[in-house]
Amino acid sequence: MPKEPRFPRQPSGPLASAWHPVPDKDSLILPAEGRTLRSWHRTGNSRRITVPRPWAHPISRWAVGIAGDYEMTTSDNFEEYLKATGVGLATRKLAASSKPTVSLTEDGDNYRLSTVTTFKTTVLAFTLAQEFTEEAEDGRQWITTVNRDGNKLLQIQKLDTLSAIITRTFTDDGMAAVYVCGDVVSNRSYKRI
């Protein structure tokens, strides 16, 4: 077996961007899929690492599983968030007083997010990173994109001059949803059922 070259320091110059310092063999930082890089170990050893294929996204496949059913336990400032997004008074009152159950299924990059309340059931079917039209509870049409970053789903909604961001963070125990529109922030917590 040929011996790997040893380097006293990390290389510089035009090839330096292809090198990445790695503290040890158990903590590698990988580039985009299918790319090869050389990593530099603090002892001076050089390794060539190729990121395995197929990866649909440069997201961690080892993150917490996000699919499941969730029941809301707490809600803070949700009515103000709905007001900031332009929802009418009657719909705001009904939505803010409801205690929804959320069901999320995942099939590759395709997701289905169902929200069930006594007031209404909404189903949001989407593919990651693809823009789609979402119908809000009051019938308005939002232009929406959903992205995934590990154990988080980031939903970006736009309607005329309004924009809203919903960040859902998943854990083994449940989900925390943060709703932001302008300077209004609402937090809702869910437990896994």
N, C-alpha and C. Protein backbone atom coordinates (compact mmCIF):
# COMPACT_ATOMS: atom_id res chain seq x y z
N MET A 1 0.85 -1.18 0.00
CA MET A 1 0.00 0.00 0.00
C MET A 1 0.90 1.24 0.00
N PRO A 2 0.68 2.15 -0.98
CA PRO A 2 1.54 3.34 -1.02
C PRO A 2 1.28 4.24 0.17
N LYS A 3 2.34 4.83 0.62
CA LYS A 3 2.26 5.73 1.76
C LYS A 3 1.74 7.09 1.30
N GLU A 4 0.79 7.66 2.06
CA GLU A 4 0.25 8.98 1.72
C GLU A 4 1.30 10.05 2.00
N PRO A 5 1.34 11.08 1.15
CA PRO A 5 2.31 12.15 1.39
C PRO A 5 2.01 12.89 2.68
N ARG A 6 3.04 13.43 3.29
CA ARG A 6 2.89 14.19 4.53
C ARG A 6 3.18 15.65 4.22
N PHE A 7 2.39 16.53 4.80
CA PHE A 7 2.58 17.96 4.61
C PHE A 7 2.77 18.60 5.97
N PRO A 8 3.76 19.45 6.12
CA PRO A 8 3.98 20.10 7.41
C PRO A 8 2.93 21.15 7.74
N ARG A 9 2.23 21.68 6.72
CA ARG A 9 1.22 22.70 6.96
C ARG A 9 0.16 22.58 5.87
N GLN A 10 -0.94 23.27 6.07
CA GLN A 10 -1.98 23.27 5.07
C GLN A 10 -1.50 23.98 3.81
N PRO A 11 -1.76 23.42 2.61
CA PRO A 11 -1.29 24.04 1.38
C PRO A 11 -1.90 25.42 1.16
N SER A 12 -1.21 26.24 0.39
CA SER A 12 -1.74 27.55 0.02
C SER A 12 -1.65 27.66 -1.49
N GLY A 13 -2.16 28.75 -2.03
CA GLY A 13 -2.12 28.95 -3.47
C GLY A 13 -3.42 28.53 -4.12
N PRO A 14 -3.40 28.28 -5.45
CA PRO A 14 -4.64 28.01 -6.17
C PRO A 14 -5.34 26.73 -5.74
N LEU A 15 -4.63 25.75 -5.18
CA LEU A 15 -5.26 24.50 -4.76
C LEU A 15 -5.76 24.53 -3.33
N ALA A 16 -5.51 25.61 -2.62
CA ALA A 16 -5.88 25.67 -1.20
C ALA A 16 -7.37 25.51 -0.98
N SER A 17 -8.20 25.99 -1.92
CA SER A 17 -9.65 25.89 -1.73
C SER A 17 -10.13 24.46 -1.82
N ALA A 18 -9.34 23.56 -2.42
CA ALA A 18 -9.73 22.16 -2.52
C ALA A 18 -9.36 21.39 -1.27
N TRP A 19 -8.70 22.05 -0.33
CA TRP A 19 -8.29 21.41 0.91
C TRP A 19 -9.16 21.92 2.04
N HIS A 20 -9.42 21.04 2.98
CA HIS A 20 -10.22 21.43 4.13
C HIS A 20 -9.60 20.84 5.38
N PRO A 21 -9.31 21.63 6.40
CA PRO A 21 -8.73 21.07 7.61
C PRO A 21 -9.73 20.18 8.34
N VAL A 22 -9.27 19.01 8.72
CA VAL A 22 -10.11 18.05 9.43
C VAL A 22 -9.40 17.67 10.71
N PRO A 23 -10.06 17.84 11.87
CA PRO A 23 -9.37 17.55 13.12
C PRO A 23 -9.06 16.08 13.32
N ASP A 24 -9.92 15.18 12.89
CA ASP A 24 -9.63 13.76 12.97
C ASP A 24 -10.53 12.99 12.01
N LYS A 25 -10.29 11.70 11.87
CA LYS A 25 -11.00 10.92 10.85
C LYS A 25 -12.48 10.79 11.14
N ASP A 26 -12.93 11.03 12.36
CA ASP A 26 -14.33 10.87 12.71
C ASP A 26 -15.15 12.14 12.52
N SER A 27 -14.54 13.24 12.16
CA SER A 27 -15.33 14.45 11.97
C SER A 27 -14.97 15.10 10.64
N LEU A 28 -15.56 14.57 9.58
CA LEU A 28 -15.30 15.06 8.25
C LEU A 28 -16.39 16.04 7.84
N ILE A 29 -16.01 17.10 7.16
CA ILE A 29 -16.96 18.05 6.59
C ILE A 29 -16.93 17.80 5.10
N LEU A 30 -18.08 17.42 4.53
CA LEU A 30 -18.12 16.98 3.15
C LEU A 30 -18.63 18.06 2.22
N PRO A 31 -18.15 18.10 0.97
CA PRO A 31 -18.63 19.06 0.00
C PRO A 31 -19.92 18.57 -0.65
N ALA A 32 -20.35 19.26 -1.69
CA ALA A 32 -21.55 18.87 -2.41
C ALA A 32 -21.39 17.47 -2.98
N GLU A 33 -22.52 16.81 -3.26
CA GLU A 33 -22.50 15.42 -3.70
C GLU A 33 -21.63 15.20 -4.93
N GLY A 34 -20.98 14.04 -4.95
CA GLY A 34 -20.19 13.65 -6.09
C GLY A 34 -18.87 14.38 -6.24
N ARG A 35 -18.58 15.36 -5.39
CA ARG A 35 -17.34 16.12 -5.49
C ARG A 35 -16.26 15.43 -4.67
N THR A 36 -15.07 15.59 -5.09
CA THR A 36 -13.94 15.01 -4.38
C THR A 36 -13.12 16.15 -3.79
N LEU A 37 -12.65 15.95 -2.59
CA LEU A 37 -11.76 16.94 -2.02
C LEU A 37 -10.63 16.25 -1.30
N ARG A 38 -9.60 16.98 -1.05
CA ARG A 38 -8.52 16.48 -0.22
C ARG A 38 -8.66 17.15 1.13
N SER A 39 -8.55 16.37 2.16
CA SER A 39 -8.62 16.96 3.49
C SER A 39 -7.22 16.88 4.11
N TRP A 40 -6.94 17.83 4.93
CA TRP A 40 -5.64 17.90 5.57
C TRP A 40 -5.80 17.60 7.04
N HIS A 41 -5.12 16.61 7.51
CA HIS A 41 -5.20 16.21 8.91
C HIS A 41 -4.13 16.97 9.68
N ARG A 42 -4.38 17.23 10.95
CA ARG A 42 -3.42 18.03 11.73
C ARG A 42 -2.05 17.36 11.82
N THR A 43 -2.00 16.04 11.59
CA THR A 43 -0.70 15.36 11.60
C THR A 43 0.02 15.51 10.28
N GLY A 44 -0.68 16.10 9.28
CA GLY A 44 -0.04 16.31 7.99
C GLY A 44 -0.43 15.27 6.97
N ASN A 45 -1.25 14.29 7.34
CA ASN A 45 -1.67 13.28 6.37
C ASN A 45 -2.72 13.84 5.44
N SER A 46 -2.70 13.38 4.20
CA SER A 46 -3.65 13.83 3.19
C SER A 46 -4.61 12.68 2.88
N ARG A 47 -5.89 12.99 2.73
CA ARG A 47 -6.88 11.98 2.36
C ARG A 47 -7.74 12.52 1.24
N ARG A 48 -8.15 11.65 0.35
CA ARG A 48 -9.09 12.02 -0.70
C ARG A 48 -10.44 11.44 -0.30
N ILE A 49 -11.46 12.30 -0.30
CA ILE A 49 -12.79 11.90 0.15
C ILE A 49 -13.78 12.24 -0.95
N THR A 50 -14.60 11.28 -1.32
CA THR A 50 -15.65 11.53 -2.30
C THR A 50 -16.98 11.39 -1.59
N VAL A 51 -17.83 12.39 -1.74
CA VAL A 51 -19.14 12.36 -1.10
C VAL A 51 -20.00 11.33 -1.81
N PRO A 52 -20.64 10.44 -1.08
CA PRO A 52 -21.44 9.39 -1.72
C PRO A 52 -22.65 9.93 -2.46
N ARG A 53 -23.08 9.23 -3.50
CA ARG A 53 -24.29 9.53 -4.25
C ARG A 53 -25.29 8.45 -3.94
N PRO A 54 -26.54 8.54 -4.17
CA PRO A 54 -27.22 9.76 -4.55
C PRO A 54 -27.70 10.51 -3.32
N TRP A 55 -27.54 11.80 -3.33
CA TRP A 55 -28.10 12.69 -2.33
C TRP A 55 -29.01 13.63 -3.07
N ALA A 56 -30.25 13.73 -2.66
CA ALA A 56 -31.17 14.63 -3.34
C ALA A 56 -30.87 16.07 -2.97
N HIS A 57 -30.39 16.30 -1.76
CA HIS A 57 -30.12 17.65 -1.27
C HIS A 57 -28.87 17.61 -0.41
N PRO A 58 -28.21 18.73 -0.28
CA PRO A 58 -27.08 18.77 0.64
C PRO A 58 -27.55 18.93 2.08
N ILE A 59 -28.49 18.08 2.50
CA ILE A 59 -28.97 18.11 3.88
C ILE A 59 -28.56 16.81 4.55
N SER A 60 -28.53 16.83 5.83
CA SER A 60 -28.15 15.65 6.58
C SER A 60 -29.25 14.61 6.56
N ARG A 61 -28.94 13.41 6.14
CA ARG A 61 -29.91 12.32 6.15
C ARG A 61 -29.93 11.63 7.52
N TRP A 62 -29.11 12.10 8.43
CA TRP A 62 -29.03 11.50 9.75
C TRP A 62 -29.74 12.36 10.79
N ALA A 63 -30.52 13.31 10.35
CA ALA A 63 -31.24 14.21 11.26
C ALA A 63 -32.42 13.47 11.89
N VAL A 64 -33.04 14.09 12.86
CA VAL A 64 -34.22 13.56 13.52
C VAL A 64 -35.30 13.33 12.48
N GLY A 65 -36.01 12.20 12.57
CA GLY A 65 -37.12 11.94 11.67
C GLY A 65 -38.23 12.96 11.93
N ILE A 66 -38.73 13.58 10.86
CA ILE A 66 -39.72 14.64 11.06
C ILE A 66 -41.13 14.17 10.78
N ALA A 67 -41.30 13.06 10.07
CA ALA A 67 -42.64 12.57 9.78
C ALA A 67 -43.32 12.11 11.06
N GLY A 68 -44.63 12.36 11.17
CA GLY A 68 -45.37 11.93 12.34
C GLY A 68 -46.59 12.78 12.58
N ASP A 69 -47.24 12.53 13.70
CA ASP A 69 -48.43 13.27 14.10
C ASP A 69 -48.11 14.09 15.34
N TYR A 70 -48.63 15.32 15.36
CA TYR A 70 -48.31 16.26 16.43
C TYR A 70 -49.58 16.95 16.91
N GLU A 71 -49.68 17.14 18.22
CA GLU A 71 -50.83 17.82 18.82
C GLU A 71 -50.33 19.09 19.51
N MET A 72 -51.00 20.22 19.23
CA MET A 72 -50.56 21.48 19.81
C MET A 72 -50.75 21.49 21.32
N THR A 73 -49.74 21.99 22.03
CA THR A 73 -49.81 22.09 23.48
C THR A 73 -49.86 23.53 23.95
N THR A 74 -49.10 24.41 23.29
CA THR A 74 -49.11 25.83 23.68
C THR A 74 -49.11 26.71 22.43
N SER A 75 -49.68 27.91 22.60
CA SER A 75 -49.71 28.89 21.51
C SER A 75 -49.54 30.27 22.11
N ASP A 76 -48.67 31.07 21.50
CA ASP A 76 -48.39 32.40 22.02
C ASP A 76 -48.43 33.40 20.87
N ASN A 77 -49.30 34.41 20.97
CA ASN A 77 -49.36 35.54 20.04
C ASN A 77 -49.82 35.17 18.63
N PHE A 78 -50.55 34.04 18.48
CA PHE A 78 -50.96 33.59 17.16
C PHE A 78 -52.00 34.51 16.52
N GLU A 79 -52.91 35.05 17.31
CA GLU A 79 -53.92 35.94 16.76
C GLU A 79 -53.27 37.21 16.18
N GLU A 80 -52.25 37.73 16.86
CA GLU A 80 -51.53 38.90 16.34
C GLU A 80 -50.79 38.58 15.04
N TYR A 81 -50.24 37.37 14.94
CA TYR A 81 -49.59 36.94 13.70
C TYR A 81 -50.62 36.90 12.56
N LEU A 82 -51.79 36.32 12.83
CA LEU A 82 -52.83 36.26 11.80
C LEU A 82 -53.27 37.65 11.37
N LYS A 83 -53.37 38.57 12.34
CA LYS A 83 -53.74 39.95 12.03
C LYS A 83 -52.68 40.59 11.12
N ALA A 84 -51.40 40.33 11.42
CA ALA A 84 -50.31 40.88 10.61
C ALA A 84 -50.32 40.35 9.18
N THR A 85 -50.81 39.12 8.99
CA THR A 85 -50.87 38.54 7.65
C THR A 85 -52.15 38.92 6.92
N GLY A 86 -53.02 39.70 7.57
CA GLY A 86 -54.22 40.21 6.91
C GLY A 86 -55.45 39.34 7.02
N VAL A 87 -55.47 38.41 7.95
CA VAL A 87 -56.64 37.53 8.14
C VAL A 87 -57.74 38.33 8.85
N GLY A 88 -58.98 38.15 8.40
CA GLY A 88 -60.12 38.86 8.98
C GLY A 88 -60.40 38.47 10.42
N LEU A 89 -61.19 39.30 11.11
CA LEU A 89 -61.44 39.14 12.54
C LEU A 89 -62.08 37.79 12.88
N ALA A 90 -63.16 37.41 12.20
CA ALA A 90 -63.86 36.16 12.53
C ALA A 90 -62.95 34.94 12.34
N THR A 91 -62.24 34.90 11.23
CA THR A 91 -61.34 33.77 10.95
C THR A 91 -60.19 33.75 11.96
N ARG A 92 -59.69 34.93 12.31
CA ARG A 92 -58.61 35.02 13.32
C ARG A 92 -59.04 34.44 14.64
N LYS A 93 -60.23 34.82 15.10
CA LYS A 93 -60.73 34.34 16.40
C LYS A 93 -60.87 32.82 16.40
N LEU A 94 -61.45 32.27 15.31
CA LEU A 94 -61.62 30.81 15.24
C LEU A 94 -60.27 30.09 15.19
N ALA A 95 -59.37 30.59 14.36
CA ALA A 95 -58.07 29.94 14.22
C ALA A 95 -57.24 30.03 15.50
N ALA A 96 -57.29 31.17 16.16
CA ALA A 96 -56.49 31.36 17.38
C ALA A 96 -57.02 30.52 18.54
N SER A 97 -58.31 30.23 18.55
CA SER A 97 -58.87 29.45 19.65
C SER A 97 -58.82 27.94 19.40
N SER A 98 -58.47 27.53 18.18
CA SER A 98 -58.44 26.10 17.88
C SER A 98 -57.17 25.45 18.41
N LYS A 99 -57.23 24.13 18.55
CA LYS A 99 -56.08 23.35 19.01
C LYS A 99 -55.80 22.30 17.94
N PRO A 100 -54.99 22.65 16.93
CA PRO A 100 -54.81 21.75 15.78
C PRO A 100 -53.96 20.52 16.05
N THR A 101 -54.23 19.51 15.23
CA THR A 101 -53.39 18.32 15.15
C THR A 101 -52.74 18.35 13.78
N VAL A 102 -51.43 18.18 13.73
CA VAL A 102 -50.68 18.25 12.48
C VAL A 102 -50.13 16.86 12.16
N SER A 103 -50.28 16.47 10.90
CA SER A 103 -49.75 15.20 10.43
C SER A 103 -48.81 15.49 9.27
N LEU A 104 -47.58 14.98 9.34
CA LEU A 104 -46.59 15.21 8.30
C LEU A 104 -46.11 13.87 7.77
N THR A 105 -46.21 13.70 6.44
CA THR A 105 -45.67 12.50 5.80
C THR A 105 -44.58 12.94 4.82
N GLU A 106 -43.65 12.02 4.58
CA GLU A 106 -42.48 12.33 3.76
C GLU A 106 -42.23 11.17 2.82
N ASP A 107 -42.05 11.49 1.53
CA ASP A 107 -41.73 10.49 0.53
C ASP A 107 -40.65 11.07 -0.37
N GLY A 108 -39.39 10.87 -0.01
CA GLY A 108 -38.29 11.50 -0.73
C GLY A 108 -38.34 13.01 -0.52
N ASP A 109 -38.50 13.76 -1.61
CA ASP A 109 -38.58 15.21 -1.53
C ASP A 109 -40.02 15.70 -1.48
N ASN A 110 -40.98 14.79 -1.51
CA ASN A 110 -42.40 15.15 -1.49
C ASN A 110 -42.94 15.02 -0.08
N TYR A 111 -43.64 16.07 0.35
CA TYR A 111 -44.17 16.11 1.71
C TYR A 111 -45.67 16.42 1.66
N ARG A 112 -46.35 16.00 2.72
CA ARG A 112 -47.78 16.30 2.87
C ARG A 112 -47.99 16.72 4.33
N LEU A 113 -48.44 17.96 4.52
CA LEU A 113 -48.65 18.52 5.85
C LEU A 113 -50.14 18.78 6.01
N SER A 114 -50.78 18.00 6.87
CA SER A 114 -52.22 18.14 7.11
C SER A 114 -52.43 18.76 8.48
N THR A 115 -53.25 19.80 8.53
CA THR A 115 -53.59 20.46 9.78
C THR A 115 -55.09 20.30 10.00
N VAL A 116 -55.47 19.65 11.09
CA VAL A 116 -56.87 19.36 11.37
C VAL A 116 -57.31 20.13 12.61
N THR A 117 -58.39 20.90 12.45
CA THR A 117 -59.03 21.60 13.59
C THR A 117 -60.53 21.35 13.48
N THR A 118 -61.26 21.75 14.50
CA THR A 118 -62.72 21.64 14.43
C THR A 118 -63.27 22.64 13.42
N PHE A 119 -62.50 23.68 13.11
CA PHE A 119 -62.90 24.72 12.19
C PHE A 119 -62.68 24.31 10.73
N LYS A 120 -61.52 23.75 10.42
CA LYS A 120 -61.18 23.43 9.04
C LYS A 120 -60.01 22.46 8.99
N THR A 121 -59.94 21.69 7.91
CA THR A 121 -58.79 20.82 7.65
C THR A 121 -58.08 21.37 6.42
N THR A 122 -56.78 21.61 6.56
CA THR A 122 -56.00 22.07 5.41
C THR A 122 -54.91 21.04 5.10
N VAL A 123 -54.67 20.84 3.83
CA VAL A 123 -53.64 19.91 3.39
C VAL A 123 -52.68 20.67 2.49
N LEU A 124 -51.42 20.58 2.81
CA LEU A 124 -50.38 21.25 2.05
C LEU A 124 -49.46 20.17 1.49
N ALA A 125 -49.53 19.94 0.18
CA ALA A 125 -48.66 18.96 -0.48
C ALA A 125 -47.61 19.74 -1.27
N PHE A 126 -46.35 19.41 -1.06
CA PHE A 126 -45.29 20.19 -1.71
C PHE A 126 -44.05 19.35 -1.93
N THR A 127 -43.21 19.84 -2.81
CA THR A 127 -41.89 19.29 -3.07
C THR A 127 -40.87 20.31 -2.60
N LEU A 128 -39.85 19.85 -1.91
CA LEU A 128 -38.84 20.76 -1.37
C LEU A 128 -38.25 21.66 -2.44
N ALA A 129 -38.05 22.91 -2.08
CA ALA A 129 -37.37 23.92 -2.90
C ALA A 129 -38.10 24.26 -4.20
N GLN A 130 -39.37 23.88 -4.31
CA GLN A 130 -40.15 24.23 -5.50
C GLN A 130 -41.29 25.15 -5.10
N GLU A 131 -41.40 26.27 -5.81
CA GLU A 131 -42.44 27.25 -5.54
C GLU A 131 -43.81 26.69 -5.94
N PHE A 132 -44.82 26.97 -5.12
CA PHE A 132 -46.18 26.53 -5.41
C PHE A 132 -47.17 27.54 -4.86
N THR A 133 -48.43 27.41 -5.27
CA THR A 133 -49.48 28.30 -4.78
C THR A 133 -50.21 27.61 -3.63
N GLU A 134 -50.32 28.33 -2.52
CA GLU A 134 -50.97 27.81 -1.32
C GLU A 134 -52.22 28.64 -1.04
N GLU A 135 -53.32 27.96 -0.82
CA GLU A 135 -54.55 28.67 -0.49
C GLU A 135 -54.65 28.78 1.03
N ALA A 136 -54.74 30.01 1.52
CA ALA A 136 -54.84 30.26 2.96
C ALA A 136 -56.25 29.94 3.44
N GLU A 137 -56.44 29.93 4.75
CA GLU A 137 -57.72 29.63 5.36
C GLU A 137 -58.83 30.57 4.89
N ASP A 138 -58.46 31.79 4.56
CA ASP A 138 -59.46 32.77 4.13
C ASP A 138 -59.58 32.88 2.60
N GLY A 139 -58.95 31.95 1.86
CA GLY A 139 -59.09 31.92 0.42
C GLY A 139 -58.04 32.67 -0.37
N ARG A 140 -57.17 33.43 0.28
CA ARG A 140 -56.12 34.15 -0.45
C ARG A 140 -55.06 33.17 -0.95
N GLN A 141 -54.40 33.53 -2.05
CA GLN A 141 -53.39 32.67 -2.67
C GLN A 141 -51.98 33.18 -2.35
N TRP A 142 -51.24 32.41 -1.59
CA TRP A 142 -49.85 32.73 -1.26
C TRP A 142 -48.93 32.00 -2.22
N ILE A 143 -47.81 32.61 -2.57
CA ILE A 143 -46.74 31.94 -3.30
C ILE A 143 -45.78 31.42 -2.22
N THR A 144 -45.61 30.10 -2.17
CA THR A 144 -44.91 29.47 -1.06
C THR A 144 -43.77 28.59 -1.55
N THR A 145 -42.69 28.57 -0.77
CA THR A 145 -41.56 27.67 -0.99
C THR A 145 -41.20 27.06 0.36
N VAL A 146 -40.95 25.76 0.38
CA VAL A 146 -40.55 25.09 1.61
C VAL A 146 -39.19 24.45 1.39
N ASN A 147 -38.27 24.69 2.32
CA ASN A 147 -36.92 24.11 2.27
C ASN A 147 -36.69 23.33 3.56
N ARG A 148 -35.79 22.36 3.48
CA ARG A 148 -35.45 21.58 4.67
C ARG A 148 -33.98 21.76 4.98
N ASP A 149 -33.71 21.94 6.26
CA ASP A 149 -32.34 22.04 6.74
C ASP A 149 -32.22 21.13 7.97
N GLY A 150 -31.81 19.89 7.75
CA GLY A 150 -31.70 18.94 8.85
C GLY A 150 -33.06 18.64 9.45
N ASN A 151 -33.26 19.04 10.71
CA ASN A 151 -34.53 18.77 11.39
C ASN A 151 -35.48 19.97 11.34
N LYS A 152 -35.28 20.88 10.39
CA LYS A 152 -36.13 22.07 10.27
C LYS A 152 -36.77 22.14 8.89
N LEU A 153 -38.03 22.57 8.88
CA LEU A 153 -38.71 22.93 7.64
C LEU A 153 -38.92 24.44 7.67
N LEU A 154 -38.48 25.12 6.62
CA LEU A 154 -38.61 26.56 6.52
C LEU A 154 -39.59 26.88 5.40
N GLN A 155 -40.73 27.45 5.77
CA GLN A 155 -41.79 27.77 4.82
C GLN A 155 -41.83 29.28 4.62
N ILE A 156 -41.60 29.71 3.37
CA ILE A 156 -41.57 31.13 3.04
C ILE A 156 -42.80 31.43 2.19
N GLN A 157 -43.64 32.36 2.67
CA GLN A 157 -44.90 32.70 1.99
C GLN A 157 -44.85 34.15 1.54
N LYS A 158 -45.36 34.41 0.32
CA LYS A 158 -45.41 35.79 -0.19
C LYS A 158 -46.77 36.04 -0.81
N LEU A 159 -47.31 37.22 -0.53
CA LEU A 159 -48.58 37.66 -1.08
C LEU A 159 -48.50 39.17 -1.24
N ASP A 160 -48.48 39.65 -2.48
CA ASP A 160 -48.34 41.07 -2.76
C ASP A 160 -47.14 41.63 -1.99
N THR A 161 -47.38 42.54 -1.05
CA THR A 161 -46.27 43.13 -0.29
C THR A 161 -46.03 42.40 1.03
N LEU A 162 -46.88 41.44 1.36
CA LEU A 162 -46.71 40.68 2.60
C LEU A 162 -45.74 39.52 2.40
N SER A 163 -45.00 39.21 3.44
CA SER A 163 -44.21 37.98 3.45
C SER A 163 -44.21 37.44 4.86
N ALA A 164 -44.24 36.12 4.95
CA ALA A 164 -44.26 35.44 6.24
C ALA A 164 -43.32 34.25 6.18
N ILE A 165 -42.75 33.92 7.31
CA ILE A 165 -41.85 32.77 7.41
C ILE A 165 -42.31 31.91 8.58
N ILE A 166 -42.47 30.62 8.29
CA ILE A 166 -42.82 29.65 9.34
C ILE A 166 -41.67 28.66 9.43
N THR A 167 -41.06 28.58 10.60
CA THR A 167 -39.97 27.65 10.83
C THR A 167 -40.46 26.57 11.79
N ARG A 168 -40.44 25.34 11.31
CA ARG A 168 -40.84 24.20 12.15
C ARG A 168 -39.59 23.40 12.48
N THR A 169 -39.31 23.28 13.78
CA THR A 169 -38.14 22.54 14.25
C THR A 169 -38.64 21.26 14.93
N PHE A 170 -38.13 20.12 14.48
CA PHE A 170 -38.60 18.82 14.95
C PHE A 170 -37.58 18.19 15.89
N THR A 171 -38.10 17.58 16.95
CA THR A 171 -37.27 16.82 17.89
C THR A 171 -37.92 15.46 18.07
N ASP A 172 -37.29 14.61 18.88
CA ASP A 172 -37.88 13.30 19.17
C ASP A 172 -39.20 13.44 19.93
N ASP A 173 -39.35 14.54 20.69
CA ASP A 173 -40.55 14.72 21.52
C ASP A 173 -41.66 15.49 20.83
N GLY A 174 -41.34 16.30 19.83
CA GLY A 174 -42.39 17.10 19.22
C GLY A 174 -41.87 18.07 18.18
N MET A 175 -42.59 19.19 18.07
CA MET A 175 -42.28 20.20 17.06
C MET A 175 -42.50 21.58 17.67
N ALA A 176 -41.61 22.51 17.35
CA ALA A 176 -41.77 23.92 17.74
C ALA A 176 -41.93 24.71 16.44
N ALA A 177 -43.01 25.48 16.34
CA ALA A 177 -43.26 26.28 15.15
C ALA A 177 -43.16 27.75 15.51
N VAL A 178 -42.37 28.49 14.73
CA VAL A 178 -42.22 29.93 14.93
C VAL A 178 -42.75 30.61 13.68
N TYR A 179 -43.77 31.47 13.86
CA TYR A 179 -44.42 32.20 12.77
C TYR A 179 -43.96 33.65 12.84
N VAL A 180 -43.46 34.18 11.71
CA VAL A 180 -42.96 35.56 11.69
C VAL A 180 -43.58 36.29 10.50
N CYS A 181 -44.15 37.46 10.77
CA CYS A 181 -44.63 38.35 9.71
C CYS A 181 -44.29 39.77 10.16
N GLY A 182 -43.38 40.41 9.43
CA GLY A 182 -42.92 41.74 9.85
C GLY A 182 -42.21 41.64 11.18
N ASP A 183 -42.68 42.41 12.17
CA ASP A 183 -42.06 42.35 13.50
C ASP A 183 -42.90 41.55 14.48
N VAL A 184 -43.94 40.85 13.98
CA VAL A 184 -44.80 40.02 14.84
C VAL A 184 -44.29 38.59 14.82
N VAL A 185 -44.09 38.01 16.01
CA VAL A 185 -43.60 36.65 16.15
C VAL A 185 -44.57 35.86 17.01
N SER A 186 -44.91 34.67 16.55
CA SER A 186 -45.79 33.77 17.29
C SER A 186 -45.09 32.43 17.46
N ASN A 187 -45.24 31.81 18.63
CA ASN A 187 -44.65 30.51 18.90
C ASN A 187 -45.74 29.52 19.23
N ARG A 188 -45.66 28.33 18.62
CA ARG A 188 -46.59 27.26 18.95
C ARG A 188 -45.78 25.99 19.17
N SER A 189 -46.13 25.25 20.23
CA SER A 189 -45.44 23.99 20.55
C SER A 189 -46.39 22.83 20.35
N TYR A 190 -45.83 21.73 19.87
CA TYR A 190 -46.61 20.52 19.61
C TYR A 190 -45.89 19.34 20.24
N LYS A 191 -46.67 18.35 20.71
CA LYS A 191 -46.08 17.11 21.19
C LYS A 191 -46.36 16.02 20.18
N ARG A 192 -45.43 15.08 20.08
CA ARG A 192 -45.60 13.94 19.18
C ARG A 192 -46.65 13.00 19.76
N ILE A 193 -47.56 12.55 18.91
CA ILE A 193 -48.59 11.61 19.40
C ILE A 193 -48.53 10.30 18.62
